[in-house]
Amino acid sequence: MANVFQNRINSLEELEELRPQLGFPSSLVSNKVIYKLDPYSRAFIEKSPFIMIATSDKDGLCDVSPRGDEPGFVYIVDDQHLFIPDRPGNKRMDSIRNIFSNPQIGIIFLIPGLEETFRMNGRACISRDPELLQATAAKGKLPLLGIGVEIEECYMHCAKAFKRSGLWSPDSWLPKEQLPSAAKIIAAHVGQKMSVTEREVRESLDNSYRNRLY
């Protein structure tokens, strides 16, 4: 690591020396954090079909995981609590395993076409509350469990990253034939440990998407 990244900043004191160039948060930014949901943040969550959740284990090993379903799939329990149903995934359970050793969680809520996002930090637990499982059922199936979140802070995040990336602009998207192949990448990675072809991976993925979303 030391030989790869030179001229590193090793302390907060060194970082603060760059403040004149980095700048200071505006009064708007400094005062935008709230500590429970209001009608505006509720409305945002209810319109969001996709979130990213960040967790880490007791040693600080981090994980960021996507979660998505129809808008409003994250259930608002009250102004201080949310419930994220656990839909079928890759069965690694990285986020859930992390929560047992470190309950801190970060969440970003996205709405397609909207460049601003809604961020949230809090404490999480794993719950099988029957009422919450029933409330978050989808396609006639109840989740086996979910992530309960106690909100500690939340706030809107500006659109600069989305504007720079052009994420929601179709003009910036690669033609479909130029997109990376997930099947090819997975086959290459798995192929280091076992024999598998790109076609086999593609068929497995297609079957999963058709038959195991819920």
N, C-alpha and C. Protein backbone atom coordinates (compact mmCIF):
# COMPACT_ATOMS: atom_id res chain seq x y z
N MET A 1 0.83 -1.20 0.00
CA MET A 1 0.00 0.00 0.00
C MET A 1 0.87 1.25 0.00
N ALA A 2 1.89 1.29 0.89
CA ALA A 2 2.72 2.49 1.01
C ALA A 2 3.45 2.80 -0.28
N ASN A 3 3.82 1.76 -1.04
CA ASN A 3 4.57 1.97 -2.26
C ASN A 3 3.67 2.39 -3.42
N VAL A 4 2.38 2.17 -3.29
CA VAL A 4 1.45 2.50 -4.37
C VAL A 4 0.96 3.93 -4.26
N PHE A 5 0.56 4.33 -3.06
CA PHE A 5 -0.01 5.66 -2.85
C PHE A 5 0.98 6.55 -2.10
N GLN A 6 1.56 7.49 -2.83
CA GLN A 6 2.54 8.39 -2.24
C GLN A 6 1.88 9.70 -1.80
N ASN A 7 2.62 10.48 -1.01
CA ASN A 7 2.16 11.80 -0.56
C ASN A 7 0.79 11.70 0.10
N ARG A 8 0.65 10.73 0.99
CA ARG A 8 -0.63 10.51 1.66
C ARG A 8 -0.87 11.52 2.77
N ILE A 9 -2.15 11.81 3.01
CA ILE A 9 -2.55 12.63 4.15
C ILE A 9 -2.82 11.67 5.30
N ASN A 10 -2.12 11.85 6.42
CA ASN A 10 -2.16 10.86 7.50
C ASN A 10 -2.86 11.34 8.77
N SER A 11 -3.41 12.54 8.75
CA SER A 11 -4.07 13.03 9.96
C SER A 11 -5.13 14.06 9.60
N LEU A 12 -6.06 14.27 10.51
CA LEU A 12 -7.06 15.31 10.32
C LEU A 12 -6.42 16.69 10.28
N GLU A 13 -5.33 16.85 11.03
CA GLU A 13 -4.64 18.13 11.05
C GLU A 13 -4.11 18.47 9.65
N GLU A 14 -3.52 17.48 8.99
CA GLU A 14 -3.04 17.71 7.63
C GLU A 14 -4.19 18.02 6.69
N LEU A 15 -5.29 17.32 6.88
CA LEU A 15 -6.46 17.58 6.03
C LEU A 15 -6.96 19.00 6.21
N GLU A 16 -7.02 19.46 7.46
CA GLU A 16 -7.52 20.81 7.72
C GLU A 16 -6.64 21.88 7.10
N GLU A 17 -5.38 21.56 6.88
CA GLU A 17 -4.50 22.53 6.22
C GLU A 17 -4.93 22.80 4.78
N LEU A 18 -5.71 21.88 4.22
CA LEU A 18 -6.20 22.06 2.85
C LEU A 18 -7.55 22.76 2.80
N ARG A 19 -8.06 23.15 3.97
CA ARG A 19 -9.38 23.79 4.02
C ARG A 19 -9.52 24.99 3.09
N PRO A 20 -8.52 25.84 2.99
CA PRO A 20 -8.69 27.00 2.09
C PRO A 20 -9.00 26.57 0.65
N GLN A 21 -8.40 25.45 0.21
CA GLN A 21 -8.67 24.96 -1.14
C GLN A 21 -9.95 24.13 -1.19
N LEU A 22 -10.17 23.30 -0.17
CA LEU A 22 -11.34 22.42 -0.17
C LEU A 22 -12.63 23.18 0.11
N GLY A 23 -12.51 24.25 0.89
CA GLY A 23 -13.68 25.05 1.24
C GLY A 23 -14.41 24.52 2.46
N PHE A 24 -15.43 25.26 2.87
CA PHE A 24 -16.22 24.92 4.05
C PHE A 24 -17.68 24.70 3.64
N PRO A 25 -18.39 23.84 4.36
CA PRO A 25 -19.80 23.64 4.04
C PRO A 25 -20.59 24.92 4.25
N SER A 26 -21.55 25.15 3.38
CA SER A 26 -22.40 26.33 3.50
C SER A 26 -23.32 26.18 4.69
N SER A 27 -23.96 27.27 5.08
CA SER A 27 -24.91 27.20 6.18
C SER A 27 -26.08 26.28 5.83
N LEU A 28 -26.43 26.24 4.53
CA LEU A 28 -27.49 25.35 4.08
C LEU A 28 -27.11 23.90 4.34
N VAL A 29 -25.89 23.52 3.96
CA VAL A 29 -25.42 22.15 4.17
C VAL A 29 -25.27 21.84 5.65
N SER A 30 -24.76 22.77 6.40
CA SER A 30 -24.51 22.54 7.82
C SER A 30 -25.79 22.35 8.62
N ASN A 31 -26.91 22.83 8.10
CA ASN A 31 -28.15 22.79 8.87
C ASN A 31 -29.22 21.89 8.26
N LYS A 32 -28.86 21.05 7.29
CA LYS A 32 -29.88 20.25 6.60
C LYS A 32 -30.18 18.92 7.29
N VAL A 33 -29.38 18.51 8.26
CA VAL A 33 -29.59 17.21 8.91
C VAL A 33 -30.80 17.26 9.83
N ILE A 34 -31.66 16.25 9.72
CA ILE A 34 -32.77 16.08 10.66
C ILE A 34 -32.62 14.72 11.33
N TYR A 35 -33.36 14.50 12.39
CA TYR A 35 -33.13 13.31 13.21
C TYR A 35 -34.33 12.39 13.31
N LYS A 36 -35.35 12.70 12.57
CA LYS A 36 -36.49 11.80 12.40
C LYS A 36 -37.20 12.20 11.12
N LEU A 37 -38.06 11.33 10.63
CA LEU A 37 -38.74 11.60 9.37
C LEU A 37 -39.78 12.69 9.51
N ASP A 38 -39.85 13.53 8.48
CA ASP A 38 -40.93 14.52 8.37
C ASP A 38 -41.76 14.16 7.14
N PRO A 39 -42.82 14.87 6.84
CA PRO A 39 -43.65 14.51 5.68
C PRO A 39 -42.89 14.48 4.36
N TYR A 40 -41.88 15.34 4.21
CA TYR A 40 -41.13 15.39 2.96
C TYR A 40 -40.24 14.15 2.80
N SER A 41 -39.56 13.77 3.87
CA SER A 41 -38.70 12.59 3.78
C SER A 41 -39.52 11.31 3.67
N ARG A 42 -40.68 11.28 4.31
CA ARG A 42 -41.58 10.14 4.14
C ARG A 42 -41.99 9.99 2.68
N ALA A 43 -42.35 11.10 2.06
CA ALA A 43 -42.79 11.06 0.67
C ALA A 43 -41.66 10.58 -0.25
N PHE A 44 -40.44 10.97 0.06
CA PHE A 44 -39.29 10.54 -0.75
C PHE A 44 -39.14 9.02 -0.65
N ILE A 45 -39.14 8.50 0.58
CA ILE A 45 -38.97 7.06 0.79
C ILE A 45 -40.08 6.27 0.11
N GLU A 46 -41.29 6.79 0.18
CA GLU A 46 -42.43 6.10 -0.42
C GLU A 46 -42.35 6.04 -1.95
N LYS A 47 -41.56 6.91 -2.56
CA LYS A 47 -41.41 6.94 -4.01
C LYS A 47 -40.14 6.22 -4.48
N SER A 48 -39.34 5.74 -3.53
CA SER A 48 -38.04 5.15 -3.88
C SER A 48 -38.15 3.65 -4.10
N PRO A 49 -37.75 3.16 -5.29
CA PRO A 49 -37.76 1.72 -5.55
C PRO A 49 -36.39 1.06 -5.35
N PHE A 50 -35.39 1.86 -4.96
CA PHE A 50 -34.03 1.31 -4.93
C PHE A 50 -33.21 2.02 -3.85
N ILE A 51 -32.50 1.22 -3.05
CA ILE A 51 -31.62 1.77 -2.02
C ILE A 51 -30.28 1.06 -2.05
N MET A 52 -29.28 1.69 -1.48
CA MET A 52 -27.99 1.05 -1.22
C MET A 52 -27.77 1.10 0.29
N ILE A 53 -27.43 -0.06 0.88
CA ILE A 53 -27.18 -0.08 2.32
C ILE A 53 -25.72 -0.42 2.57
N ALA A 54 -25.12 0.32 3.49
CA ALA A 54 -23.72 0.11 3.86
C ALA A 54 -23.64 -0.40 5.28
N THR A 55 -22.86 -1.47 5.46
CA THR A 55 -22.63 -2.04 6.78
C THR A 55 -21.15 -2.39 6.89
N SER A 56 -20.72 -2.72 8.10
CA SER A 56 -19.36 -3.23 8.28
C SER A 56 -19.36 -4.19 9.45
N ASP A 57 -18.38 -5.09 9.47
CA ASP A 57 -18.30 -6.02 10.59
C ASP A 57 -17.53 -5.40 11.73
N LYS A 58 -17.28 -6.16 12.78
CA LYS A 58 -16.63 -5.62 13.98
C LYS A 58 -15.21 -5.15 13.71
N ASP A 59 -14.59 -5.65 12.62
CA ASP A 59 -13.23 -5.25 12.28
C ASP A 59 -13.18 -4.11 11.27
N GLY A 60 -14.36 -3.63 10.87
CA GLY A 60 -14.41 -2.52 9.92
C GLY A 60 -14.43 -2.93 8.47
N LEU A 61 -14.50 -4.25 8.19
CA LEU A 61 -14.61 -4.69 6.80
C LEU A 61 -15.98 -4.29 6.26
N CYS A 62 -15.99 -3.50 5.20
CA CYS A 62 -17.23 -2.85 4.73
C CYS A 62 -17.92 -3.64 3.64
N ASP A 63 -19.21 -3.39 3.52
CA ASP A 63 -20.02 -3.99 2.47
C ASP A 63 -21.09 -2.98 2.07
N VAL A 64 -21.32 -2.85 0.77
CA VAL A 64 -22.43 -2.04 0.26
C VAL A 64 -23.29 -2.95 -0.60
N SER A 65 -24.59 -2.96 -0.32
CA SER A 65 -25.47 -3.91 -0.97
C SER A 65 -26.71 -3.20 -1.51
N PRO A 66 -27.13 -3.52 -2.76
CA PRO A 66 -28.36 -2.93 -3.31
C PRO A 66 -29.59 -3.66 -2.82
N ARG A 67 -30.68 -2.93 -2.66
CA ARG A 67 -31.99 -3.50 -2.36
C ARG A 67 -33.00 -2.77 -3.24
N GLY A 68 -33.93 -3.52 -3.81
CA GLY A 68 -34.91 -2.86 -4.67
C GLY A 68 -36.19 -3.64 -4.82
N ASP A 69 -37.27 -2.93 -5.07
CA ASP A 69 -38.58 -3.50 -5.33
C ASP A 69 -39.48 -2.35 -5.79
N GLU A 70 -40.77 -2.56 -5.78
CA GLU A 70 -41.67 -1.49 -6.19
C GLU A 70 -41.52 -0.29 -5.25
N PRO A 71 -41.78 0.93 -5.74
CA PRO A 71 -41.65 2.11 -4.88
C PRO A 71 -42.39 1.94 -3.56
N GLY A 72 -41.70 2.31 -2.48
CA GLY A 72 -42.29 2.18 -1.16
C GLY A 72 -42.08 0.83 -0.52
N PHE A 73 -41.19 0.00 -1.09
CA PHE A 73 -40.97 -1.33 -0.50
C PHE A 73 -40.34 -1.23 0.89
N VAL A 74 -39.62 -0.14 1.17
CA VAL A 74 -39.13 0.10 2.53
C VAL A 74 -40.30 0.60 3.35
N TYR A 75 -40.63 -0.13 4.39
CA TYR A 75 -41.83 0.14 5.18
C TYR A 75 -41.51 1.15 6.29
N ILE A 76 -42.28 2.23 6.33
CA ILE A 76 -42.11 3.24 7.37
C ILE A 76 -42.96 2.84 8.58
N VAL A 77 -42.28 2.47 9.66
CA VAL A 77 -42.98 2.07 10.88
C VAL A 77 -43.52 3.30 11.60
N ASP A 78 -42.64 4.28 11.81
CA ASP A 78 -43.01 5.56 12.39
C ASP A 78 -41.91 6.55 12.05
N ASP A 79 -41.93 7.72 12.63
CA ASP A 79 -40.97 8.77 12.26
C ASP A 79 -39.53 8.42 12.61
N GLN A 80 -39.32 7.38 13.42
CA GLN A 80 -37.98 7.05 13.86
C GLN A 80 -37.51 5.66 13.40
N HIS A 81 -38.40 4.90 12.75
CA HIS A 81 -38.06 3.51 12.44
C HIS A 81 -38.53 3.09 11.04
N LEU A 82 -37.68 2.27 10.38
CA LEU A 82 -37.98 1.70 9.08
C LEU A 82 -37.79 0.18 9.13
N PHE A 83 -38.41 -0.50 8.17
CA PHE A 83 -38.22 -1.94 8.04
C PHE A 83 -37.95 -2.26 6.58
N ILE A 84 -36.81 -2.92 6.31
CA ILE A 84 -36.41 -3.28 4.95
C ILE A 84 -36.59 -4.78 4.79
N PRO A 85 -37.58 -5.22 4.02
CA PRO A 85 -37.79 -6.66 3.86
C PRO A 85 -36.62 -7.31 3.13
N ASP A 86 -36.28 -8.51 3.50
CA ASP A 86 -35.17 -9.21 2.87
C ASP A 86 -35.70 -10.10 1.76
N ARG A 87 -35.55 -9.66 0.51
CA ARG A 87 -35.96 -10.44 -0.64
C ARG A 87 -34.86 -11.44 -1.01
N PRO A 88 -35.18 -12.51 -1.76
CA PRO A 88 -34.16 -13.48 -2.16
C PRO A 88 -33.02 -12.81 -2.91
N GLY A 89 -31.79 -13.15 -2.54
CA GLY A 89 -30.61 -12.60 -3.20
C GLY A 89 -29.60 -13.69 -3.47
N ASN A 90 -28.33 -13.39 -3.22
CA ASN A 90 -27.29 -14.38 -3.50
C ASN A 90 -27.04 -15.32 -2.31
N LYS A 91 -27.77 -15.11 -1.23
CA LYS A 91 -27.71 -15.96 -0.04
C LYS A 91 -26.39 -15.87 0.72
N ARG A 92 -25.56 -14.88 0.40
CA ARG A 92 -24.33 -14.67 1.18
C ARG A 92 -24.64 -14.03 2.53
N MET A 93 -25.70 -13.21 2.57
CA MET A 93 -26.14 -12.55 3.80
C MET A 93 -25.06 -11.66 4.42
N ASP A 94 -24.29 -11.00 3.57
CA ASP A 94 -23.20 -10.16 4.07
C ASP A 94 -23.70 -9.05 4.99
N SER A 95 -24.73 -8.31 4.53
CA SER A 95 -25.24 -7.20 5.34
C SER A 95 -25.79 -7.70 6.67
N ILE A 96 -26.57 -8.77 6.61
CA ILE A 96 -27.20 -9.29 7.82
C ILE A 96 -26.16 -9.80 8.80
N ARG A 97 -25.17 -10.51 8.31
CA ARG A 97 -24.11 -11.01 9.19
C ARG A 97 -23.36 -9.85 9.85
N ASN A 98 -23.12 -8.78 9.07
CA ASN A 98 -22.42 -7.62 9.63
C ASN A 98 -23.20 -6.98 10.76
N ILE A 99 -24.52 -6.89 10.60
CA ILE A 99 -25.35 -6.20 11.59
C ILE A 99 -25.26 -6.87 12.96
N PHE A 100 -25.06 -8.18 12.99
CA PHE A 100 -24.94 -8.87 14.28
C PHE A 100 -23.72 -8.40 15.07
N SER A 101 -22.65 -8.04 14.37
CA SER A 101 -21.44 -7.62 15.08
C SER A 101 -21.27 -6.11 15.13
N ASN A 102 -21.96 -5.39 14.22
CA ASN A 102 -21.88 -3.93 14.20
C ASN A 102 -23.20 -3.39 13.67
N PRO A 103 -24.07 -2.87 14.52
CA PRO A 103 -25.41 -2.48 14.09
C PRO A 103 -25.49 -1.18 13.30
N GLN A 104 -24.39 -0.44 13.17
CA GLN A 104 -24.47 0.82 12.42
C GLN A 104 -24.72 0.56 10.94
N ILE A 105 -25.61 1.38 10.36
CA ILE A 105 -25.98 1.19 8.96
C ILE A 105 -26.13 2.54 8.28
N GLY A 106 -25.77 2.59 7.02
CA GLY A 106 -25.98 3.78 6.19
C GLY A 106 -26.83 3.40 4.99
N ILE A 107 -27.73 4.28 4.59
CA ILE A 107 -28.65 3.99 3.50
C ILE A 107 -28.73 5.20 2.56
N ILE A 108 -28.73 4.94 1.26
CA ILE A 108 -29.01 5.97 0.26
C ILE A 108 -30.25 5.55 -0.51
N PHE A 109 -31.26 6.43 -0.53
CA PHE A 109 -32.49 6.19 -1.28
C PHE A 109 -32.41 6.91 -2.62
N LEU A 110 -32.76 6.20 -3.69
CA LEU A 110 -32.75 6.78 -5.04
C LEU A 110 -34.14 6.72 -5.65
N ILE A 111 -34.43 7.71 -6.47
CA ILE A 111 -35.64 7.73 -7.29
C ILE A 111 -35.19 7.92 -8.74
N PRO A 112 -35.53 7.02 -9.65
CA PRO A 112 -35.08 7.15 -11.03
C PRO A 112 -35.46 8.51 -11.62
N GLY A 113 -34.46 9.13 -12.26
CA GLY A 113 -34.69 10.43 -12.89
C GLY A 113 -34.44 11.61 -11.99
N LEU A 114 -34.40 11.39 -10.68
CA LEU A 114 -34.13 12.47 -9.73
C LEU A 114 -32.66 12.40 -9.32
N GLU A 115 -31.95 13.50 -9.50
CA GLU A 115 -30.51 13.47 -9.25
C GLU A 115 -30.15 13.66 -7.78
N GLU A 116 -31.00 14.29 -7.01
CA GLU A 116 -30.76 14.37 -5.58
C GLU A 116 -31.14 13.02 -4.93
N THR A 117 -30.43 12.65 -3.88
CA THR A 117 -30.73 11.42 -3.15
C THR A 117 -31.01 11.75 -1.69
N PHE A 118 -31.55 10.77 -0.98
CA PHE A 118 -31.85 10.93 0.45
C PHE A 118 -30.98 9.95 1.22
N ARG A 119 -30.22 10.48 2.17
CA ARG A 119 -29.27 9.66 2.94
C ARG A 119 -29.74 9.50 4.37
N MET A 120 -29.38 8.35 4.93
CA MET A 120 -29.81 8.05 6.29
C MET A 120 -28.74 7.23 6.99
N ASN A 121 -28.52 7.51 8.25
CA ASN A 121 -27.64 6.72 9.11
C ASN A 121 -28.40 6.31 10.36
N GLY A 122 -28.10 5.13 10.86
CA GLY A 122 -28.80 4.68 12.06
C GLY A 122 -28.26 3.38 12.58
N ARG A 123 -29.07 2.73 13.41
CA ARG A 123 -28.71 1.45 14.00
C ARG A 123 -29.71 0.41 13.52
N ALA A 124 -29.20 -0.78 13.22
CA ALA A 124 -30.02 -1.81 12.61
C ALA A 124 -30.12 -3.05 13.48
N CYS A 125 -31.17 -3.83 13.25
CA CYS A 125 -31.33 -5.14 13.86
C CYS A 125 -31.99 -6.05 12.84
N ILE A 126 -32.00 -7.33 13.11
CA ILE A 126 -32.67 -8.30 12.25
C ILE A 126 -33.97 -8.72 12.94
N SER A 127 -35.09 -8.58 12.22
CA SER A 127 -36.39 -8.81 12.84
C SER A 127 -37.24 -9.78 12.03
N ARG A 128 -38.04 -10.58 12.78
CA ARG A 128 -39.05 -11.45 12.16
C ARG A 128 -40.44 -11.09 12.70
N ASP A 129 -40.63 -9.82 12.98
CA ASP A 129 -41.90 -9.33 13.50
C ASP A 129 -43.02 -9.71 12.51
N PRO A 130 -43.99 -10.53 12.95
CA PRO A 130 -45.04 -11.00 12.03
C PRO A 130 -45.80 -9.88 11.34
N GLU A 131 -46.09 -8.80 12.07
CA GLU A 131 -46.84 -7.69 11.48
C GLU A 131 -46.03 -7.00 10.38
N LEU A 132 -44.73 -6.85 10.59
CA LEU A 132 -43.90 -6.19 9.59
C LEU A 132 -43.68 -7.10 8.39
N LEU A 133 -43.55 -8.39 8.62
CA LEU A 133 -43.41 -9.33 7.50
C LEU A 133 -44.67 -9.32 6.65
N GLN A 134 -45.82 -9.27 7.30
CA GLN A 134 -47.10 -9.23 6.58
C GLN A 134 -47.23 -7.92 5.80
N ALA A 135 -46.79 -6.83 6.40
CA ALA A 135 -46.91 -5.52 5.76
C ALA A 135 -46.01 -5.38 4.55
N THR A 136 -44.95 -6.19 4.47
CA THR A 136 -43.99 -6.08 3.37
C THR A 136 -44.03 -7.29 2.44
N ALA A 137 -45.10 -8.06 2.50
CA ALA A 137 -45.26 -9.18 1.58
C ALA A 137 -45.33 -8.67 0.14
N ALA A 138 -44.83 -9.48 -0.79
CA ALA A 138 -44.86 -9.11 -2.21
C ALA A 138 -45.11 -10.34 -3.05
N LYS A 139 -45.96 -10.18 -4.06
CA LYS A 139 -46.30 -11.28 -4.96
C LYS A 139 -46.83 -12.49 -4.18
N GLY A 140 -47.54 -12.22 -3.10
CA GLY A 140 -48.13 -13.29 -2.31
C GLY A 140 -47.16 -14.02 -1.40
N LYS A 141 -45.92 -13.50 -1.28
CA LYS A 141 -44.91 -14.17 -0.46
C LYS A 141 -44.43 -13.25 0.65
N LEU A 142 -44.37 -13.78 1.87
CA LEU A 142 -43.85 -13.04 3.00
C LEU A 142 -42.33 -13.21 3.06
N PRO A 143 -41.60 -12.14 3.35
CA PRO A 143 -40.17 -12.30 3.58
C PRO A 143 -39.94 -13.12 4.85
N LEU A 144 -38.84 -13.83 4.92
CA LEU A 144 -38.52 -14.61 6.12
C LEU A 144 -38.06 -13.71 7.26
N LEU A 145 -37.46 -12.57 6.90
CA LEU A 145 -36.95 -11.64 7.90
C LEU A 145 -36.73 -10.29 7.23
N GLY A 146 -36.29 -9.34 8.00
CA GLY A 146 -36.01 -8.01 7.47
C GLY A 146 -35.06 -7.26 8.37
N ILE A 147 -34.63 -6.11 7.89
CA ILE A 147 -33.72 -5.25 8.65
C ILE A 147 -34.52 -4.10 9.24
N GLY A 148 -34.54 -4.05 10.57
CA GLY A 148 -35.15 -2.93 11.26
C GLY A 148 -34.13 -1.82 11.45
N VAL A 149 -34.51 -0.58 11.20
CA VAL A 149 -33.58 0.55 11.30
C VAL A 149 -34.13 1.60 12.24
N GLU A 150 -33.34 1.97 13.23
CA GLU A 150 -33.65 3.12 14.08
C GLU A 150 -32.87 4.32 13.55
N ILE A 151 -33.58 5.33 13.11
CA ILE A 151 -32.96 6.47 12.44
C ILE A 151 -32.21 7.35 13.45
N GLU A 152 -30.96 7.67 13.11
CA GLU A 152 -30.18 8.59 13.93
C GLU A 152 -30.02 9.95 13.26
N GLU A 153 -29.91 9.95 11.94
CA GLU A 153 -29.85 11.20 11.19
C GLU A 153 -30.21 10.93 9.74
N CYS A 154 -30.74 11.95 9.05
CA CYS A 154 -31.04 11.81 7.64
C CYS A 154 -31.03 13.19 6.99
N TYR A 155 -30.77 13.20 5.68
CA TYR A 155 -30.67 14.47 4.97
C TYR A 155 -30.63 14.26 3.47
N MET A 156 -30.97 15.29 2.73
CA MET A 156 -30.86 15.28 1.28
C MET A 156 -29.41 15.43 0.87
N HIS A 157 -29.05 14.76 -0.23
CA HIS A 157 -27.70 14.87 -0.77
C HIS A 157 -27.78 15.49 -2.15
N CYS A 158 -26.88 16.41 -2.44
CA CYS A 158 -26.93 17.18 -3.68
C CYS A 158 -26.69 16.30 -4.91
N ALA A 159 -26.94 16.85 -6.09
CA ALA A 159 -26.95 16.08 -7.34
C ALA A 159 -25.64 16.13 -8.10
N LYS A 160 -24.57 16.67 -7.53
CA LYS A 160 -23.35 16.88 -8.31
C LYS A 160 -22.79 15.59 -8.90
N ALA A 161 -22.77 14.50 -8.10
CA ALA A 161 -22.23 13.24 -8.61
C ALA A 161 -23.05 12.71 -9.78
N PHE A 162 -24.37 12.88 -9.71
CA PHE A 162 -25.23 12.41 -10.78
C PHE A 162 -25.08 13.28 -12.02
N LYS A 163 -24.91 14.58 -11.81
CA LYS A 163 -24.73 15.48 -12.96
C LYS A 163 -23.40 15.20 -13.65
N ARG A 164 -22.33 14.98 -12.85
CA ARG A 164 -21.04 14.70 -13.46
C ARG A 164 -21.06 13.38 -14.22
N SER A 165 -21.74 12.39 -13.67
CA SER A 165 -21.75 11.06 -14.28
C SER A 165 -22.76 10.93 -15.41
N GLY A 166 -23.77 11.81 -15.43
CA GLY A 166 -24.84 11.69 -16.41
C GLY A 166 -25.63 10.42 -16.25
N LEU A 167 -25.74 9.92 -15.02
CA LEU A 167 -26.33 8.61 -14.77
C LEU A 167 -27.72 8.43 -15.34
N TRP A 168 -28.57 9.46 -15.19
CA TRP A 168 -29.94 9.33 -15.64
C TRP A 168 -30.15 9.83 -17.08
N SER A 169 -29.08 10.23 -17.74
CA SER A 169 -29.19 10.76 -19.10
C SER A 169 -28.97 9.64 -20.12
N PRO A 170 -30.00 9.23 -20.85
CA PRO A 170 -29.82 8.16 -21.84
C PRO A 170 -28.71 8.45 -22.85
N ASP A 171 -28.46 9.73 -23.13
CA ASP A 171 -27.42 10.08 -24.10
C ASP A 171 -26.04 9.63 -23.63
N SER A 172 -25.86 9.45 -22.31
CA SER A 172 -24.56 9.06 -21.78
C SER A 172 -24.41 7.54 -21.67
N TRP A 173 -25.47 6.80 -21.91
CA TRP A 173 -25.43 5.35 -21.72
C TRP A 173 -24.71 4.66 -22.88
N LEU A 174 -23.98 3.61 -22.57
CA LEU A 174 -23.32 2.82 -23.60
C LEU A 174 -24.36 2.04 -24.41
N PRO A 175 -24.09 1.83 -25.69
CA PRO A 175 -24.95 0.92 -26.45
C PRO A 175 -24.96 -0.45 -25.78
N LYS A 176 -26.07 -1.15 -25.89
CA LYS A 176 -26.22 -2.43 -25.19
C LYS A 176 -25.11 -3.40 -25.53
N GLU A 177 -24.66 -3.40 -26.79
CA GLU A 177 -23.62 -4.35 -27.20
C GLU A 177 -22.25 -4.03 -26.59
N GLN A 178 -22.10 -2.81 -26.04
CA GLN A 178 -20.83 -2.44 -25.42
C GLN A 178 -20.83 -2.61 -23.90
N LEU A 179 -21.96 -3.00 -23.34
CA LEU A 179 -22.04 -3.17 -21.89
C LEU A 179 -21.24 -4.39 -21.45
N PRO A 180 -20.61 -4.34 -20.27
CA PRO A 180 -19.91 -5.52 -19.76
C PRO A 180 -20.89 -6.68 -19.59
N SER A 181 -20.41 -7.88 -19.79
CA SER A 181 -21.23 -9.08 -19.61
C SER A 181 -21.03 -9.62 -18.21
N ALA A 182 -22.10 -9.58 -17.40
CA ALA A 182 -22.00 -10.12 -16.04
C ALA A 182 -21.67 -11.60 -16.08
N ALA A 183 -22.27 -12.33 -17.02
CA ALA A 183 -22.01 -13.77 -17.11
C ALA A 183 -20.54 -14.05 -17.41
N LYS A 184 -19.96 -13.26 -18.31
CA LYS A 184 -18.55 -13.46 -18.66
C LYS A 184 -17.64 -13.16 -17.47
N ILE A 185 -17.96 -12.09 -16.75
CA ILE A 185 -17.12 -11.71 -15.60
C ILE A 185 -17.22 -12.77 -14.50
N ILE A 186 -18.44 -13.21 -14.19
CA ILE A 186 -18.61 -14.22 -13.15
C ILE A 186 -17.92 -15.51 -13.54
N ALA A 187 -18.07 -15.92 -14.80
CA ALA A 187 -17.43 -17.16 -15.26
C ALA A 187 -15.91 -17.07 -15.11
N ALA A 188 -15.34 -15.90 -15.43
CA ALA A 188 -13.89 -15.73 -15.29
C ALA A 188 -13.46 -15.81 -13.84
N HIS A 189 -14.24 -15.20 -12.94
CA HIS A 189 -13.88 -15.20 -11.52
C HIS A 189 -14.07 -16.57 -10.90
N VAL A 190 -15.22 -17.20 -11.17
CA VAL A 190 -15.49 -18.52 -10.62
C VAL A 190 -14.55 -19.56 -11.23
N GLY A 191 -14.17 -19.33 -12.48
CA GLY A 191 -13.30 -20.27 -13.18
C GLY A 191 -11.95 -20.44 -12.54
N GLN A 192 -11.57 -19.53 -11.65
CA GLN A 192 -10.31 -19.69 -10.93
C GLN A 192 -10.39 -20.79 -9.88
N LYS A 193 -11.61 -21.23 -9.54
CA LYS A 193 -11.80 -22.22 -8.49
C LYS A 193 -12.53 -23.48 -8.96
N MET A 194 -13.34 -23.35 -10.02
CA MET A 194 -14.10 -24.49 -10.51
C MET A 194 -14.39 -24.30 -12.00
N SER A 195 -14.78 -25.37 -12.66
CA SER A 195 -15.03 -25.32 -14.09
C SER A 195 -16.46 -24.86 -14.35
N VAL A 196 -16.60 -23.75 -15.06
CA VAL A 196 -17.91 -23.23 -15.42
C VAL A 196 -17.76 -22.39 -16.69
N THR A 197 -18.78 -22.42 -17.54
CA THR A 197 -18.73 -21.66 -18.79
C THR A 197 -19.60 -20.41 -18.68
N GLU A 198 -19.34 -19.46 -19.57
CA GLU A 198 -20.15 -18.24 -19.61
C GLU A 198 -21.61 -18.57 -19.88
N ARG A 199 -21.86 -19.54 -20.77
CA ARG A 199 -23.23 -19.93 -21.08
C ARG A 199 -23.93 -20.50 -19.86
N GLU A 200 -23.25 -21.32 -19.09
CA GLU A 200 -23.85 -21.89 -17.89
C GLU A 200 -24.21 -20.81 -16.88
N VAL A 201 -23.33 -19.83 -16.73
CA VAL A 201 -23.59 -18.74 -15.80
C VAL A 201 -24.78 -17.92 -16.29
N ARG A 202 -24.83 -17.62 -17.59
CA ARG A 202 -25.93 -16.83 -18.14
C ARG A 202 -27.27 -17.55 -17.93
N GLU A 203 -27.29 -18.84 -18.17
CA GLU A 203 -28.52 -19.61 -17.98
C GLU A 203 -28.94 -19.62 -16.52
N SER A 204 -27.96 -19.74 -15.62
CA SER A 204 -28.26 -19.72 -14.18
C SER A 204 -28.83 -18.37 -13.76
N LEU A 205 -28.23 -17.29 -14.26
CA LEU A 205 -28.72 -15.95 -13.94
C LEU A 205 -30.13 -15.74 -14.48
N ASP A 206 -30.35 -16.12 -15.74
CA ASP A 206 -31.67 -15.93 -16.35
C ASP A 206 -32.74 -16.70 -15.58
N ASN A 207 -32.42 -17.92 -15.18
CA ASN A 207 -33.37 -18.72 -14.42
C ASN A 207 -33.68 -18.08 -13.07
N SER A 208 -32.65 -17.55 -12.43
CA SER A 208 -32.83 -16.87 -11.15
C SER A 208 -33.72 -15.64 -11.28
N TYR A 209 -33.48 -14.87 -12.34
CA TYR A 209 -34.26 -13.64 -12.56
C TYR A 209 -35.72 -13.96 -12.89
N ARG A 210 -35.94 -15.07 -13.59
CA ARG A 210 -37.30 -15.44 -13.97
C ARG A 210 -38.09 -16.05 -12.80
N ASN A 211 -37.41 -16.85 -12.01
CA ASN A 211 -38.13 -17.71 -11.07
C ASN A 211 -37.86 -17.46 -9.59
N ARG A 212 -36.86 -16.64 -9.27
CA ARG A 212 -36.51 -16.50 -7.85
C ARG A 212 -36.35 -15.05 -7.41
N LEU A 213 -37.18 -14.16 -7.94
CA LEU A 213 -37.14 -12.77 -7.48
C LEU A 213 -37.83 -12.61 -6.13
N TYR A 214 -38.78 -13.49 -5.81
CA TYR A 214 -39.54 -13.38 -4.55
C TYR A 214 -39.60 -14.75 -3.88
